[in-house]
């Protein structure tokens, strides 16, 4: 047994944090850490649902952000430089219809049907959607493990509530820790699930 495994198994249940909130500078790799964590959990037979948002580039230039529902691989646009309507964030306009119909619905479905809920990310674009915010609140209150990324400087009541929960842990993704982080987070979640069965 590795030292990490032994430490996790010996942790008192009260210290296990059900909600893992990843933050860090733009481009540091939060979504990559999250995606790798999801893969480890799935390899261990865990049902994981929720939404991932990832940047889309054309000829090396970022043109927008794609939404992906982890449960059924439905895709849509979170925001795009050519989006004609919707709230504007920098050079992008947010696609509220896809955010509601794919992103928020994916989180709601995960809260109802899956074991672990993933939210990427709680940030300025996503927070324009009331349906998204309601879905996140539902996830936080679900008593299920939640892994979410939080924009490094976004401020909102929902983010404050999430960060201040007793069952939440804030993790800063940095260059020196990001390679080992997926395995560490996955082990924490697996240990929580194990102790819940005992």
Protein backbone atom coordinates (compact mmCIF):
# COMPACT_ATOMS: atom_id res chain seq x y z
CA UNK A 1 0.00 0.00 0.00
CA UNK A 2 1.32 3.43 -0.94
CA UNK A 3 1.74 6.11 1.71
CA UNK A 4 -0.99 8.22 0.06
CA UNK A 5 -3.47 5.33 0.19
CA UNK A 6 -2.67 4.63 3.84
CA UNK A 7 -3.07 8.32 4.79
CA UNK A 8 -6.41 8.58 3.05
CA UNK A 9 -7.73 5.42 4.68
CA UNK A 10 -6.64 6.63 8.12
CA UNK A 11 -8.23 10.09 7.81
CA UNK A 12 -11.20 10.58 10.12
CA UNK A 13 -14.46 10.69 8.17
CA UNK A 14 -15.21 14.14 9.61
CA UNK A 15 -12.13 15.55 7.87
CA UNK A 16 -13.07 14.26 4.43
CA UNK A 17 -14.21 17.14 2.25
CA UNK A 18 -17.03 16.16 -0.08
CA UNK A 19 -16.68 19.26 -2.29
CA UNK A 20 -13.35 19.80 -4.07
CA UNK A 21 -13.02 23.31 -5.52
CA UNK A 22 -10.15 23.81 -7.95
CA UNK A 23 -8.88 27.31 -8.61
CA UNK A 24 -5.74 28.83 -10.10
CA UNK A 25 -4.44 31.22 -12.72
CA UNK A 26 -5.92 31.16 -16.25
CA UNK A 27 -4.33 28.47 -18.42
CA UNK A 28 -2.73 26.65 -15.49
CA UNK A 29 -4.56 23.41 -16.31
CA UNK A 30 -7.65 23.24 -14.07
CA UNK A 31 -9.78 21.58 -16.74
CA UNK A 32 -6.99 19.13 -17.56
CA UNK A 33 -6.72 18.16 -13.90
CA UNK A 34 -10.48 17.77 -13.74
CA UNK A 35 -10.66 15.64 -16.90
CA UNK A 36 -7.88 13.33 -15.73
CA UNK A 37 -9.60 12.97 -12.35
CA UNK A 38 -12.85 12.00 -14.09
CA UNK A 39 -11.00 9.37 -16.12
CA UNK A 40 -9.48 7.82 -12.97
CA UNK A 41 -12.87 7.70 -11.26
CA UNK A 42 -14.51 6.11 -14.31
CA UNK A 43 -11.71 3.52 -14.47
CA UNK A 44 -12.69 2.64 -10.90
CA UNK A 45 -16.30 2.10 -11.91
CA UNK A 46 -17.68 5.37 -10.56
CA UNK A 47 -20.61 7.01 -12.36
CA UNK A 48 -19.52 10.59 -13.03
CA UNK A 49 -21.76 13.25 -14.56
CA UNK A 50 -21.84 16.99 -15.05
CA UNK A 51 -20.29 19.41 -17.49
CA UNK A 52 -16.86 20.25 -18.84
CA UNK A 53 -16.05 23.45 -20.74
CA UNK A 54 -12.99 23.57 -22.92
CA UNK A 55 -11.48 26.10 -25.24
CA UNK A 56 -11.71 25.67 -28.99
CA UNK A 57 -8.99 27.05 -31.24
CA UNK A 58 -8.89 27.61 -34.97
CA UNK A 59 -5.47 28.10 -36.58
CA UNK A 60 -4.02 28.58 -33.11
CA UNK A 61 -6.48 31.32 -32.14
CA UNK A 62 -9.06 30.73 -29.41
CA UNK A 63 -12.53 31.28 -30.85
CA UNK A 64 -14.73 30.05 -28.05
CA UNK A 65 -15.56 27.51 -25.38
CA UNK A 66 -17.38 24.23 -25.91
CA UNK A 67 -19.71 22.57 -23.40
CA UNK A 68 -19.65 18.80 -22.93
CA UNK A 69 -22.19 16.75 -20.97
CA UNK A 70 -20.17 13.93 -19.38
CA UNK A 71 -23.12 11.56 -19.13
CA UNK A 72 -24.16 11.48 -22.78
CA UNK A 73 -21.48 13.48 -24.66
CA UNK A 74 -23.98 16.15 -25.79
CA UNK A 75 -22.09 19.22 -26.94
CA UNK A 76 -22.83 22.90 -27.33
CA UNK A 77 -21.27 26.33 -27.15
CA UNK A 78 -20.70 28.14 -23.90
CA UNK A 79 -19.40 31.20 -25.74
CA UNK A 80 -17.99 32.14 -29.14
CA UNK A 81 -16.48 35.18 -30.82
CA UNK A 82 -19.14 34.95 -33.56
CA UNK A 83 -22.09 34.53 -31.19
CA UNK A 84 -24.55 37.28 -32.15
CA UNK A 85 -26.58 37.48 -28.95
CA UNK A 86 -26.08 36.98 -25.26
CA UNK A 87 -24.05 38.58 -22.46
CA UNK A 88 -20.60 39.73 -23.49
CA UNK A 89 -17.43 38.69 -21.67
CA UNK A 90 -14.36 40.13 -23.36
CA UNK A 91 -14.54 39.28 -27.07
CA UNK A 92 -17.01 36.43 -26.50
CA UNK A 93 -20.78 36.32 -26.19
CA UNK A 94 -22.33 33.69 -23.93
CA UNK A 95 -24.73 31.18 -25.48
CA UNK A 96 -27.35 31.09 -22.73
CA UNK A 97 -29.56 28.59 -24.55
CA UNK A 98 -26.80 25.95 -24.74
CA UNK A 99 -25.63 26.77 -21.23
CA UNK A 100 -29.15 26.15 -19.89
CA UNK A 101 -30.05 23.18 -22.09
CA UNK A 102 -26.73 21.33 -21.92
CA UNK A 103 -24.60 22.68 -19.06
CA UNK A 104 -27.25 23.18 -16.38
CA UNK A 105 -29.18 20.06 -17.40
CA UNK A 106 -25.97 17.98 -17.20
CA UNK A 107 -25.38 19.14 -13.62
CA UNK A 108 -29.01 18.49 -12.64
CA UNK A 109 -28.88 15.01 -14.18
CA UNK A 110 -25.64 14.22 -12.32
CA UNK A 111 -27.17 15.36 -9.03
CA UNK A 112 -30.07 12.96 -9.56
CA UNK A 113 -28.49 9.97 -11.30
CA UNK A 114 -24.70 9.90 -10.82
CA UNK A 115 -22.39 9.27 -7.88
CA UNK A 116 -19.98 12.17 -8.49
CA UNK A 117 -20.87 15.60 -9.90
CA UNK A 118 -18.43 17.61 -12.03
CA UNK A 119 -18.80 21.34 -12.75
CA UNK A 120 -16.34 23.15 -15.04
CA UNK A 121 -16.47 25.99 -14.34
CA UNK A 122 -18.21 28.37 -11.96
CA UNK A 123 -17.11 31.59 -13.60
CA UNK A 124 -18.22 34.89 -15.14
CA UNK A 125 -19.75 33.35 -18.27
CA UNK A 126 -21.68 30.61 -16.49
CA UNK A 127 -22.98 32.91 -13.77
CA UNK A 128 -25.15 34.78 -16.29
CA UNK A 129 -27.46 31.75 -16.25
CA UNK A 130 -29.93 31.49 -13.38
CA UNK A 131 -30.61 27.89 -14.36
CA UNK A 132 -26.90 27.10 -14.08
CA UNK A 133 -26.71 28.73 -10.65
CA UNK A 134 -29.73 26.75 -9.46
CA UNK A 135 -28.16 23.53 -10.76
CA UNK A 136 -24.90 24.25 -8.93
CA UNK A 137 -26.81 24.96 -5.72
CA UNK A 138 -28.63 21.65 -6.12
CA UNK A 139 -25.30 19.87 -6.60
CA UNK A 140 -23.77 21.48 -3.50
CA UNK A 141 -26.75 20.39 -1.42
CA UNK A 142 -26.95 16.88 -2.87
CA UNK A 143 -24.61 15.29 -0.31
CA UNK A 144 -22.76 13.72 -3.24
CA UNK A 145 -19.07 14.35 -3.99
CA UNK A 146 -18.61 17.43 -6.18
CA UNK A 147 -15.50 18.42 -8.10
CA UNK A 148 -15.69 21.93 -9.53
CA UNK A 149 -13.40 24.54 -10.98
CA UNK A 150 -13.82 28.14 -9.90
CA UNK A 151 -12.63 31.16 -11.87
CA UNK A 152 -9.60 32.65 -10.14
CA UNK A 153 -11.10 36.08 -9.53
CA UNK A 154 -14.86 35.75 -10.08
CA UNK A 155 -17.01 37.10 -7.27
CA UNK A 156 -20.58 35.98 -6.71
CA UNK A 157 -22.75 34.99 -3.77
CA UNK A 158 -22.84 31.41 -5.08
CA UNK A 159 -19.04 31.20 -5.13
CA UNK A 160 -18.79 32.62 -1.61
CA UNK A 161 -21.34 30.10 -0.35
CA UNK A 162 -19.46 27.23 -2.01
CA UNK A 163 -16.08 28.29 -0.64
CA UNK A 164 -17.39 28.79 2.90
CA UNK A 165 -19.09 25.42 3.24
CA UNK A 166 -17.65 23.21 5.99
CA UNK A 167 -17.59 20.26 3.61
CA UNK A 168 -15.65 22.14 0.90
CA UNK A 169 -11.92 22.20 0.26
CA UNK A 170 -10.26 24.83 -1.95
CA UNK A 171 -7.30 23.56 -3.97
CA UNK A 172 -5.02 25.88 -5.92
CA UNK A 173 -3.72 24.30 -9.12
CA UNK A 174 -0.11 25.28 -9.78
CA UNK A 175 2.63 24.13 -12.11
CA UNK A 176 4.38 22.21 -9.35
CA UNK A 177 1.36 20.20 -8.20
CA UNK A 178 -0.90 19.75 -11.23
CA UNK A 179 0.63 16.46 -12.47
CA UNK A 180 -0.07 14.59 -9.23
CA UNK A 181 -3.35 16.31 -8.44
CA UNK A 182 -5.74 14.10 -10.47
CA UNK A 183 -4.68 10.97 -8.60
CA UNK A 184 -4.79 12.76 -5.25
CA UNK A 185 -8.31 14.14 -5.80
CA UNK A 186 -9.59 10.83 -7.21
CA UNK A 187 -8.28 8.98 -4.14
CA UNK A 188 -10.02 11.46 -1.86
CA UNK A 189 -13.32 10.92 -3.65
CA UNK A 190 -12.92 7.13 -3.70
CA UNK A 191 -12.19 7.14 0.02
CA UNK A 192 -15.29 9.23 0.71
CA UNK A 193 -17.38 6.74 -1.26
CA UNK A 194 -15.76 3.86 0.59
CA UNK A 195 -16.45 5.31 4.04
CA UNK A 196 -20.07 6.02 3.07
CA UNK A 197 -20.58 2.31 2.42
CA UNK A 198 -19.15 1.31 5.81
